[in-house]
N, C-alpha and C. Protein backbone atom coordinates (compact mmCIF):
# COMPACT_ATOMS: atom_id res chain seq x y z
N MET A 1 44.65 -32.43 22.47
CA MET A 1 44.45 -32.40 21.04
C MET A 1 42.98 -32.66 20.71
N LYS A 2 42.40 -33.64 21.41
CA LYS A 2 41.01 -33.99 21.17
C LYS A 2 40.09 -32.82 21.55
N LYS A 3 40.42 -32.12 22.67
CA LYS A 3 39.62 -30.97 23.09
C LYS A 3 39.71 -29.85 22.06
N ALA A 4 40.88 -29.63 21.51
CA ALA A 4 41.06 -28.58 20.50
C ALA A 4 40.24 -28.91 19.26
N PHE A 5 40.22 -30.16 18.85
CA PHE A 5 39.44 -30.59 17.68
C PHE A 5 37.95 -30.36 17.92
N VAL A 6 37.46 -30.75 19.10
CA VAL A 6 36.05 -30.56 19.43
C VAL A 6 35.73 -29.06 19.47
N PHE A 7 36.64 -28.27 20.04
CA PHE A 7 36.43 -26.83 20.11
C PHE A 7 36.29 -26.22 18.70
N PHE A 8 37.21 -26.57 17.79
CA PHE A 8 37.15 -26.05 16.43
C PHE A 8 35.93 -26.57 15.68
N LEU A 9 35.54 -27.79 15.95
CA LEU A 9 34.34 -28.35 15.34
C LEU A 9 33.10 -27.57 15.79
N LEU A 10 33.02 -27.24 17.08
CA LEU A 10 31.90 -26.45 17.60
C LEU A 10 31.89 -25.04 16.99
N ILE A 11 33.05 -24.43 16.87
CA ILE A 11 33.15 -23.10 16.26
C ILE A 11 32.67 -23.16 14.81
N PHE A 12 33.15 -24.13 14.05
CA PHE A 12 32.76 -24.28 12.64
C PHE A 12 31.26 -24.49 12.52
N HIS A 13 30.71 -25.35 13.36
CA HIS A 13 29.27 -25.63 13.34
C HIS A 13 28.46 -24.37 13.67
N SER A 14 28.91 -23.60 14.65
CA SER A 14 28.23 -22.36 15.02
C SER A 14 28.25 -21.36 13.87
N LEU A 15 29.40 -21.23 13.21
CA LEU A 15 29.50 -20.32 12.07
C LEU A 15 28.58 -20.77 10.94
N PHE A 16 28.49 -22.05 10.70
CA PHE A 16 27.61 -22.59 9.67
C PHE A 16 26.15 -22.25 9.98
N ILE A 17 25.74 -22.44 11.22
CA ILE A 17 24.35 -22.15 11.62
C ILE A 17 24.06 -20.66 11.47
N ILE A 18 24.99 -19.81 11.90
CA ILE A 18 24.80 -18.36 11.77
C ILE A 18 24.70 -17.98 10.30
N SER A 19 25.58 -18.53 9.48
CA SER A 19 25.56 -18.23 8.05
C SER A 19 24.24 -18.67 7.41
N HIS A 20 23.77 -19.86 7.77
CA HIS A 20 22.51 -20.38 7.23
C HIS A 20 21.33 -19.53 7.68
N ALA A 21 21.32 -19.10 8.93
CA ALA A 21 20.24 -18.26 9.43
C ALA A 21 20.23 -16.91 8.71
N ARG A 22 21.41 -16.35 8.48
CA ARG A 22 21.50 -15.07 7.77
C ARG A 22 20.98 -15.21 6.34
N THR A 23 21.29 -16.31 5.68
CA THR A 23 20.80 -16.55 4.33
C THR A 23 19.28 -16.60 4.32
N ASN A 24 18.68 -17.29 5.29
CA ASN A 24 17.22 -17.37 5.36
C ASN A 24 16.60 -16.00 5.59
N ILE A 25 17.22 -15.19 6.43
CA ILE A 25 16.71 -13.84 6.68
C ILE A 25 16.77 -13.01 5.41
N LEU A 26 17.88 -13.08 4.69
CA LEU A 26 18.01 -12.32 3.46
C LEU A 26 17.00 -12.77 2.41
N LEU A 27 16.74 -14.07 2.34
CA LEU A 27 15.77 -14.57 1.38
C LEU A 27 14.37 -14.07 1.70
N SER A 28 14.03 -13.97 2.97
CA SER A 28 12.68 -13.53 3.34
C SER A 28 12.47 -12.05 3.04
N TYR A 29 13.54 -11.29 2.86
CA TYR A 29 13.42 -9.88 2.53
C TYR A 29 13.72 -9.62 1.06
N SER A 30 13.62 -10.64 0.24
CA SER A 30 13.90 -10.46 -1.18
C SER A 30 12.87 -9.52 -1.80
N PRO A 31 13.25 -8.81 -2.85
CA PRO A 31 12.32 -7.86 -3.45
C PRO A 31 11.13 -8.56 -4.09
N ALA A 32 10.08 -7.79 -4.28
CA ALA A 32 8.86 -8.33 -4.87
C ALA A 32 9.10 -8.73 -6.31
N ASN A 33 8.38 -9.71 -6.73
CA ASN A 33 8.35 -10.11 -8.11
C ASN A 33 7.94 -8.89 -8.94
N THR A 34 8.52 -8.75 -10.13
CA THR A 34 8.21 -7.58 -10.95
C THR A 34 6.74 -7.53 -11.34
N ASP A 35 6.09 -8.68 -11.47
CA ASP A 35 4.65 -8.69 -11.76
C ASP A 35 3.86 -8.09 -10.60
N VAL A 36 4.22 -8.47 -9.38
CA VAL A 36 3.53 -7.95 -8.20
C VAL A 36 3.76 -6.44 -8.10
N LYS A 37 4.98 -6.02 -8.35
CA LYS A 37 5.29 -4.59 -8.31
C LYS A 37 4.41 -3.84 -9.30
N ALA A 38 4.30 -4.34 -10.51
CA ALA A 38 3.47 -3.70 -11.54
C ALA A 38 2.00 -3.72 -11.14
N GLN A 39 1.55 -4.81 -10.54
CA GLN A 39 0.14 -4.93 -10.14
C GLN A 39 -0.20 -3.95 -9.02
N ILE A 40 0.67 -3.83 -8.04
CA ILE A 40 0.43 -2.89 -6.94
C ILE A 40 0.47 -1.45 -7.46
N ASN A 41 1.39 -1.17 -8.37
CA ASN A 41 1.46 0.18 -8.92
C ASN A 41 0.26 0.50 -9.81
N ALA A 42 -0.30 -0.50 -10.49
CA ALA A 42 -1.54 -0.31 -11.26
C ALA A 42 -2.69 -0.02 -10.30
N LEU A 43 -2.72 -0.71 -9.18
CA LEU A 43 -3.74 -0.47 -8.16
C LEU A 43 -3.64 0.97 -7.65
N LEU A 44 -2.43 1.40 -7.40
CA LEU A 44 -2.20 2.77 -6.93
C LEU A 44 -2.65 3.79 -7.98
N ALA A 45 -2.38 3.53 -9.25
CA ALA A 45 -2.82 4.44 -10.32
C ALA A 45 -4.34 4.54 -10.35
N ASN A 46 -5.03 3.42 -10.14
CA ASN A 46 -6.49 3.43 -10.09
C ASN A 46 -6.99 4.18 -8.86
N TYR A 47 -6.29 4.06 -7.77
CA TYR A 47 -6.63 4.82 -6.56
C TYR A 47 -6.57 6.32 -6.85
N TYR A 48 -5.49 6.75 -7.53
CA TYR A 48 -5.35 8.17 -7.85
C TYR A 48 -6.51 8.67 -8.71
N GLY A 49 -7.00 7.83 -9.61
CA GLY A 49 -8.16 8.19 -10.41
C GLY A 49 -9.39 8.40 -9.55
N MET A 50 -9.56 7.53 -8.56
CA MET A 50 -10.67 7.66 -7.62
C MET A 50 -10.54 8.96 -6.82
N LYS A 51 -9.33 9.22 -6.36
CA LYS A 51 -9.08 10.45 -5.59
C LYS A 51 -9.38 11.68 -6.43
N ASP A 52 -8.95 11.69 -7.67
CA ASP A 52 -9.19 12.84 -8.55
C ASP A 52 -10.68 13.05 -8.80
N ALA A 53 -11.43 11.96 -8.93
CA ALA A 53 -12.88 12.07 -9.12
C ALA A 53 -13.55 12.65 -7.86
N LEU A 54 -13.04 12.29 -6.69
CA LEU A 54 -13.58 12.86 -5.46
C LEU A 54 -13.22 14.34 -5.33
N VAL A 55 -12.02 14.71 -5.78
CA VAL A 55 -11.63 16.13 -5.78
C VAL A 55 -12.64 16.93 -6.61
N ALA A 56 -13.08 16.34 -7.72
CA ALA A 56 -14.05 17.00 -8.61
C ALA A 56 -15.49 16.84 -8.10
N THR A 57 -15.66 16.13 -6.98
CA THR A 57 -16.98 15.82 -6.41
C THR A 57 -17.89 15.21 -7.48
N ASP A 58 -17.33 14.26 -8.21
CA ASP A 58 -18.07 13.55 -9.26
C ASP A 58 -18.30 12.11 -8.78
N GLY A 59 -19.45 11.90 -8.15
CA GLY A 59 -19.77 10.60 -7.57
C GLY A 59 -19.83 9.47 -8.58
N LYS A 60 -20.37 9.75 -9.77
CA LYS A 60 -20.46 8.69 -10.79
C LYS A 60 -19.08 8.30 -11.30
N ALA A 61 -18.22 9.29 -11.52
CA ALA A 61 -16.85 8.99 -11.95
C ALA A 61 -16.10 8.26 -10.84
N THR A 62 -16.32 8.66 -9.60
CA THR A 62 -15.68 7.98 -8.46
C THR A 62 -16.13 6.53 -8.41
N GLN A 63 -17.41 6.30 -8.64
CA GLN A 63 -17.96 4.95 -8.64
C GLN A 63 -17.27 4.10 -9.72
N GLN A 64 -17.11 4.67 -10.92
CA GLN A 64 -16.45 3.95 -12.01
C GLN A 64 -14.98 3.69 -11.67
N LYS A 65 -14.32 4.68 -11.12
CA LYS A 65 -12.90 4.52 -10.74
C LYS A 65 -12.75 3.49 -9.63
N ALA A 66 -13.72 3.42 -8.73
CA ALA A 66 -13.68 2.39 -7.68
C ALA A 66 -13.82 1.00 -8.30
N ASN A 67 -14.67 0.87 -9.31
CA ASN A 67 -14.79 -0.42 -10.01
C ASN A 67 -13.50 -0.77 -10.74
N ASP A 68 -12.85 0.23 -11.35
CA ASP A 68 -11.55 0.00 -11.99
C ASP A 68 -10.51 -0.43 -10.95
N PHE A 69 -10.56 0.20 -9.80
CA PHE A 69 -9.66 -0.14 -8.69
C PHE A 69 -9.88 -1.60 -8.28
N LEU A 70 -11.13 -2.01 -8.17
CA LEU A 70 -11.44 -3.39 -7.78
C LEU A 70 -10.96 -4.39 -8.83
N LYS A 71 -11.03 -4.03 -10.09
CA LYS A 71 -10.51 -4.91 -11.16
C LYS A 71 -8.99 -5.05 -11.01
N ALA A 72 -8.32 -3.94 -10.76
CA ALA A 72 -6.86 -3.99 -10.56
C ALA A 72 -6.52 -4.78 -9.30
N PHE A 73 -7.33 -4.62 -8.27
CA PHE A 73 -7.14 -5.36 -7.02
C PHE A 73 -7.22 -6.87 -7.26
N ALA A 74 -8.18 -7.28 -8.09
CA ALA A 74 -8.37 -8.71 -8.38
C ALA A 74 -7.19 -9.29 -9.17
N GLN A 75 -6.41 -8.45 -9.82
CA GLN A 75 -5.28 -8.90 -10.62
C GLN A 75 -4.01 -9.14 -9.80
N ILE A 76 -4.01 -8.76 -8.55
CA ILE A 76 -2.81 -8.93 -7.72
C ILE A 76 -2.61 -10.41 -7.44
N ASP A 77 -1.46 -10.91 -7.86
CA ASP A 77 -1.14 -12.33 -7.72
C ASP A 77 -0.33 -12.55 -6.45
N MET A 78 -1.04 -12.89 -5.38
CA MET A 78 -0.39 -13.07 -4.08
C MET A 78 0.59 -14.24 -4.08
N ALA A 79 0.41 -15.19 -4.98
CA ALA A 79 1.32 -16.34 -5.05
C ALA A 79 2.73 -15.91 -5.43
N LYS A 80 2.86 -14.76 -6.05
CA LYS A 80 4.18 -14.28 -6.46
C LYS A 80 4.83 -13.38 -5.42
N MET A 81 4.13 -13.15 -4.31
CA MET A 81 4.72 -12.37 -3.22
C MET A 81 5.64 -13.25 -2.39
N THR A 82 6.62 -12.62 -1.77
CA THR A 82 7.42 -13.36 -0.81
C THR A 82 6.53 -13.67 0.39
N LYS A 83 6.97 -14.59 1.22
CA LYS A 83 6.18 -14.94 2.40
C LYS A 83 5.96 -13.72 3.29
N GLU A 84 7.00 -12.94 3.49
CA GLU A 84 6.89 -11.74 4.32
C GLU A 84 5.90 -10.75 3.72
N GLN A 85 5.99 -10.53 2.41
CA GLN A 85 5.07 -9.60 1.75
C GLN A 85 3.63 -10.10 1.86
N HIS A 86 3.44 -11.38 1.67
CA HIS A 86 2.10 -11.97 1.77
C HIS A 86 1.54 -11.75 3.18
N ASN A 87 2.38 -11.96 4.18
CA ASN A 87 1.95 -11.78 5.58
C ASN A 87 1.60 -10.32 5.88
N LEU A 88 2.29 -9.39 5.26
CA LEU A 88 1.99 -7.97 5.44
C LEU A 88 0.72 -7.57 4.68
N TYR A 89 0.54 -8.14 3.52
CA TYR A 89 -0.57 -7.77 2.63
C TYR A 89 -1.92 -8.32 3.08
N MET A 90 -1.95 -9.57 3.50
CA MET A 90 -3.22 -10.25 3.76
C MET A 90 -4.13 -9.57 4.78
N PRO A 91 -3.63 -9.13 5.93
CA PRO A 91 -4.55 -8.51 6.90
C PRO A 91 -5.20 -7.22 6.37
N LEU A 92 -4.55 -6.54 5.45
CA LEU A 92 -5.08 -5.28 4.93
C LEU A 92 -5.89 -5.46 3.66
N ALA A 93 -5.67 -6.54 2.94
CA ALA A 93 -6.32 -6.74 1.64
C ALA A 93 -7.84 -6.75 1.75
N SER A 94 -8.38 -7.46 2.73
CA SER A 94 -9.84 -7.53 2.85
C SER A 94 -10.43 -6.16 3.23
N LYS A 95 -9.69 -5.39 4.02
CA LYS A 95 -10.16 -4.05 4.39
C LYS A 95 -10.16 -3.12 3.18
N ILE A 96 -9.11 -3.20 2.38
CA ILE A 96 -9.01 -2.39 1.17
C ILE A 96 -10.16 -2.73 0.23
N LYS A 97 -10.38 -4.01 0.02
CA LYS A 97 -11.45 -4.45 -0.88
C LYS A 97 -12.81 -3.99 -0.37
N SER A 98 -13.05 -4.15 0.91
CA SER A 98 -14.34 -3.77 1.51
C SER A 98 -14.63 -2.28 1.34
N GLU A 99 -13.64 -1.44 1.58
CA GLU A 99 -13.84 0.01 1.44
C GLU A 99 -14.05 0.39 -0.02
N ALA A 100 -13.29 -0.22 -0.93
CA ALA A 100 -13.46 0.07 -2.36
C ALA A 100 -14.84 -0.38 -2.84
N GLU A 101 -15.31 -1.53 -2.35
CA GLU A 101 -16.65 -2.00 -2.72
C GLU A 101 -17.72 -1.04 -2.23
N ALA A 102 -17.54 -0.51 -1.02
CA ALA A 102 -18.51 0.45 -0.48
C ALA A 102 -18.55 1.72 -1.33
N ILE A 103 -17.40 2.16 -1.79
CA ILE A 103 -17.33 3.34 -2.66
C ILE A 103 -17.99 3.05 -4.01
N ALA A 104 -17.77 1.85 -4.53
CA ALA A 104 -18.32 1.47 -5.83
C ALA A 104 -19.84 1.29 -5.81
N LYS A 105 -20.42 1.06 -4.64
CA LYS A 105 -21.86 0.79 -4.54
C LYS A 105 -22.73 2.04 -4.65
N THR A 106 -22.15 3.21 -4.44
CA THR A 106 -22.99 4.42 -4.42
C THR A 106 -22.42 5.51 -5.33
N PRO A 107 -23.30 6.25 -6.00
CA PRO A 107 -22.84 7.39 -6.78
C PRO A 107 -22.78 8.69 -5.95
N ASP A 108 -23.06 8.60 -4.67
CA ASP A 108 -23.09 9.76 -3.78
C ASP A 108 -21.67 10.05 -3.25
N ALA A 109 -21.10 11.17 -3.68
CA ALA A 109 -19.72 11.52 -3.32
C ALA A 109 -19.54 11.64 -1.81
N GLU A 110 -20.53 12.15 -1.10
CA GLU A 110 -20.40 12.29 0.36
C GLU A 110 -20.31 10.92 1.03
N GLN A 111 -21.11 9.98 0.59
CA GLN A 111 -21.02 8.62 1.15
C GLN A 111 -19.69 7.98 0.77
N GLN A 112 -19.24 8.21 -0.44
CA GLN A 112 -17.95 7.65 -0.89
C GLN A 112 -16.81 8.18 -0.02
N ARG A 113 -16.88 9.44 0.32
CA ARG A 113 -15.82 10.06 1.13
C ARG A 113 -15.73 9.44 2.53
N THR A 114 -16.84 8.93 3.04
CA THR A 114 -16.79 8.31 4.38
C THR A 114 -15.94 7.05 4.39
N HIS A 115 -15.78 6.41 3.24
CA HIS A 115 -14.98 5.18 3.14
C HIS A 115 -13.56 5.45 2.65
N PHE A 116 -13.35 6.62 2.09
CA PHE A 116 -12.08 6.91 1.43
C PHE A 116 -10.91 7.01 2.40
N ASN A 117 -11.13 7.53 3.60
CA ASN A 117 -10.04 7.64 4.58
C ASN A 117 -9.50 6.27 4.95
N ASP A 118 -10.38 5.32 5.28
CA ASP A 118 -9.92 3.97 5.65
C ASP A 118 -9.23 3.29 4.47
N LEU A 119 -9.79 3.45 3.28
CA LEU A 119 -9.15 2.89 2.09
C LEU A 119 -7.75 3.47 1.94
N SER A 120 -7.64 4.77 2.09
CA SER A 120 -6.34 5.45 1.95
C SER A 120 -5.33 4.98 2.98
N ASN A 121 -5.76 4.88 4.23
CA ASN A 121 -4.84 4.45 5.30
C ASN A 121 -4.37 3.02 5.10
N ASN A 122 -5.26 2.13 4.71
CA ASN A 122 -4.88 0.73 4.51
C ASN A 122 -4.00 0.56 3.28
N LEU A 123 -4.31 1.28 2.21
CA LEU A 123 -3.47 1.20 1.01
C LEU A 123 -2.09 1.77 1.30
N PHE A 124 -2.02 2.86 2.04
CA PHE A 124 -0.72 3.44 2.40
C PHE A 124 0.10 2.45 3.21
N ALA A 125 -0.53 1.76 4.13
CA ALA A 125 0.17 0.76 4.95
C ALA A 125 0.75 -0.35 4.07
N VAL A 126 0.01 -0.78 3.06
CA VAL A 126 0.50 -1.81 2.13
C VAL A 126 1.68 -1.29 1.33
N ILE A 127 1.54 -0.11 0.75
CA ILE A 127 2.61 0.46 -0.07
C ILE A 127 3.87 0.66 0.78
N LYS A 128 3.69 1.16 1.97
CA LYS A 128 4.83 1.41 2.87
C LYS A 128 5.50 0.10 3.28
N ALA A 129 4.72 -0.91 3.60
CA ALA A 129 5.28 -2.19 4.05
C ALA A 129 5.97 -2.94 2.92
N LEU A 130 5.38 -2.94 1.74
CA LEU A 130 5.94 -3.70 0.62
C LEU A 130 7.10 -2.97 -0.06
N LYS A 131 7.14 -1.65 0.07
CA LYS A 131 8.24 -0.85 -0.48
C LYS A 131 8.43 -1.10 -1.97
N ILE A 132 7.35 -1.08 -2.73
CA ILE A 132 7.48 -1.38 -4.15
C ILE A 132 6.85 -0.31 -5.05
N ASN A 133 6.62 0.88 -4.52
CA ASN A 133 6.10 1.94 -5.37
C ASN A 133 7.19 2.38 -6.34
N GLU A 134 6.79 2.63 -7.59
CA GLU A 134 7.74 3.04 -8.62
C GLU A 134 8.04 4.53 -8.56
N LYS A 135 7.07 5.30 -8.09
CA LYS A 135 7.20 6.76 -7.99
C LYS A 135 6.88 7.18 -6.56
N PRO A 136 7.27 8.39 -6.18
CA PRO A 136 6.94 8.84 -4.82
C PRO A 136 5.43 8.81 -4.56
N VAL A 137 5.09 8.45 -3.33
CA VAL A 137 3.70 8.46 -2.87
C VAL A 137 3.65 9.45 -1.71
N TYR A 138 2.77 10.42 -1.83
CA TYR A 138 2.63 11.46 -0.82
C TYR A 138 1.38 11.18 0.01
N GLN A 139 1.57 10.98 1.30
CA GLN A 139 0.42 10.87 2.19
C GLN A 139 0.06 12.29 2.62
N GLN A 140 -1.19 12.66 2.41
CA GLN A 140 -1.63 14.01 2.72
C GLN A 140 -2.76 13.96 3.74
N TYR A 141 -2.93 15.07 4.44
CA TYR A 141 -3.86 15.10 5.57
C TYR A 141 -4.73 16.35 5.53
N CYS A 142 -6.02 16.15 5.78
CA CYS A 142 -6.98 17.24 5.88
C CYS A 142 -7.29 17.46 7.36
N PRO A 143 -6.84 18.58 7.96
CA PRO A 143 -7.10 18.80 9.38
C PRO A 143 -8.58 19.04 9.70
N MET A 144 -9.33 19.55 8.75
CA MET A 144 -10.76 19.81 8.98
C MET A 144 -11.54 18.50 9.08
N LYS A 145 -11.20 17.54 8.25
CA LYS A 145 -11.89 16.25 8.22
C LYS A 145 -11.18 15.22 9.11
N LYS A 146 -9.94 15.55 9.47
CA LYS A 146 -9.09 14.61 10.23
C LYS A 146 -8.97 13.29 9.45
N ALA A 147 -8.64 13.44 8.17
CA ALA A 147 -8.59 12.29 7.27
C ALA A 147 -7.39 12.41 6.33
N TYR A 148 -6.93 11.24 5.88
CA TYR A 148 -5.76 11.15 5.00
C TYR A 148 -6.17 10.74 3.60
N TRP A 149 -5.28 11.00 2.66
CA TRP A 149 -5.39 10.48 1.30
C TRP A 149 -3.99 10.40 0.72
N LEU A 150 -3.86 9.75 -0.43
CA LEU A 150 -2.57 9.58 -1.09
C LEU A 150 -2.58 10.37 -2.39
N SER A 151 -1.40 10.83 -2.79
CA SER A 151 -1.28 11.56 -4.03
C SER A 151 0.02 11.20 -4.73
N ASP A 152 0.04 11.40 -6.04
CA ASP A 152 1.25 11.14 -6.81
C ASP A 152 2.11 12.41 -6.94
N ASN A 153 1.67 13.50 -6.31
CA ASN A 153 2.49 14.71 -6.27
C ASN A 153 2.21 15.46 -4.97
N SER A 154 3.08 16.41 -4.67
CA SER A 154 2.98 17.08 -3.37
C SER A 154 1.93 18.19 -3.33
N ALA A 155 1.39 18.58 -4.48
CA ALA A 155 0.36 19.63 -4.50
C ALA A 155 -0.91 19.12 -3.82
N ILE A 156 -1.48 19.94 -2.97
CA ILE A 156 -2.68 19.55 -2.22
C ILE A 156 -3.92 19.77 -3.07
N LYS A 157 -4.67 18.70 -3.25
CA LYS A 157 -6.00 18.74 -3.89
C LYS A 157 -6.88 17.84 -3.04
N ASN A 158 -7.62 18.46 -2.16
CA ASN A 158 -8.37 17.78 -1.11
C ASN A 158 -9.60 17.04 -1.65
N PRO A 159 -9.63 15.70 -1.53
CA PRO A 159 -10.78 14.93 -2.01
C PRO A 159 -11.97 14.96 -1.05
N TYR A 160 -11.78 15.47 0.16
CA TYR A 160 -12.86 15.45 1.14
C TYR A 160 -13.78 16.67 1.04
N TYR A 161 -13.26 17.77 0.53
CA TYR A 161 -14.08 18.97 0.41
C TYR A 161 -14.15 19.51 -1.01
N GLY A 162 -13.40 18.92 -1.94
CA GLY A 162 -13.46 19.37 -3.32
C GLY A 162 -13.16 20.85 -3.47
N LYS A 163 -13.94 21.52 -4.32
CA LYS A 163 -13.72 22.95 -4.61
C LYS A 163 -13.84 23.84 -3.38
N MET A 164 -14.67 23.42 -2.44
CA MET A 164 -14.92 24.23 -1.25
C MET A 164 -13.63 24.52 -0.46
N MET A 165 -12.75 23.53 -0.37
CA MET A 165 -11.49 23.70 0.36
C MET A 165 -10.40 22.92 -0.39
N LEU A 166 -10.24 23.22 -1.64
CA LEU A 166 -9.38 22.44 -2.54
C LEU A 166 -7.95 22.29 -2.04
N THR A 167 -7.37 23.33 -1.49
CA THR A 167 -5.96 23.27 -1.10
C THR A 167 -5.76 23.14 0.41
N CYS A 168 -6.81 22.76 1.12
CA CYS A 168 -6.70 22.56 2.56
C CYS A 168 -6.02 21.22 2.83
N GLY A 169 -4.90 21.26 3.51
CA GLY A 169 -4.20 20.03 3.86
C GLY A 169 -2.71 20.20 3.83
N LYS A 170 -2.02 19.11 4.12
CA LYS A 170 -0.56 19.13 4.12
C LYS A 170 -0.04 17.72 3.85
N VAL A 171 1.20 17.66 3.38
CA VAL A 171 1.88 16.38 3.18
C VAL A 171 2.41 15.94 4.54
N THR A 172 2.09 14.71 4.94
CA THR A 172 2.57 14.21 6.24
C THR A 172 3.71 13.21 6.09
N GLU A 173 3.76 12.53 4.95
CA GLU A 173 4.83 11.55 4.74
C GLU A 173 5.00 11.31 3.25
N THR A 174 6.23 11.06 2.85
CA THR A 174 6.52 10.77 1.45
C THR A 174 7.28 9.45 1.37
N LEU A 175 6.78 8.54 0.55
CA LEU A 175 7.47 7.28 0.29
C LEU A 175 8.20 7.42 -1.04
N GLN A 176 9.50 7.26 -1.01
CA GLN A 176 10.29 7.38 -2.24
C GLN A 176 10.36 6.09 -2.99
């Protein structure tokens, strides 16, 4: 009788531990705070403005859009992210900021384009990891430049070559 009691006690304790561990796992994957979601999507909207200015090969407009992007970047409240989201965001945040600052420092579209691929790749990694985009995000690729960019629609408008090769590229991934 005593062995049966100990056996059931061990089973109950094991189930409790498993249940508690599962609860902790579910909590760590909780969705982003709605403020964070809005902030990241505002950042993405500013990125699209920068991309469109590069498509037009307008270095001054790109510079302004990069400054707008940096303002939106500064508004992201990391304290409202879950621990997992914060851990995913932090390694990429400084890279995103650095590339955007480099774009904002010059009105030369060609120099801006040299930083745009890394900015695009790091921002895509954040959007993909956090899974909080409100609308589809299309990752697009220019085979001539071997570079990526993001778009809010599937139509190709290449920011690396502008009018010269406006529709050169393809969609490589879509985040819904």
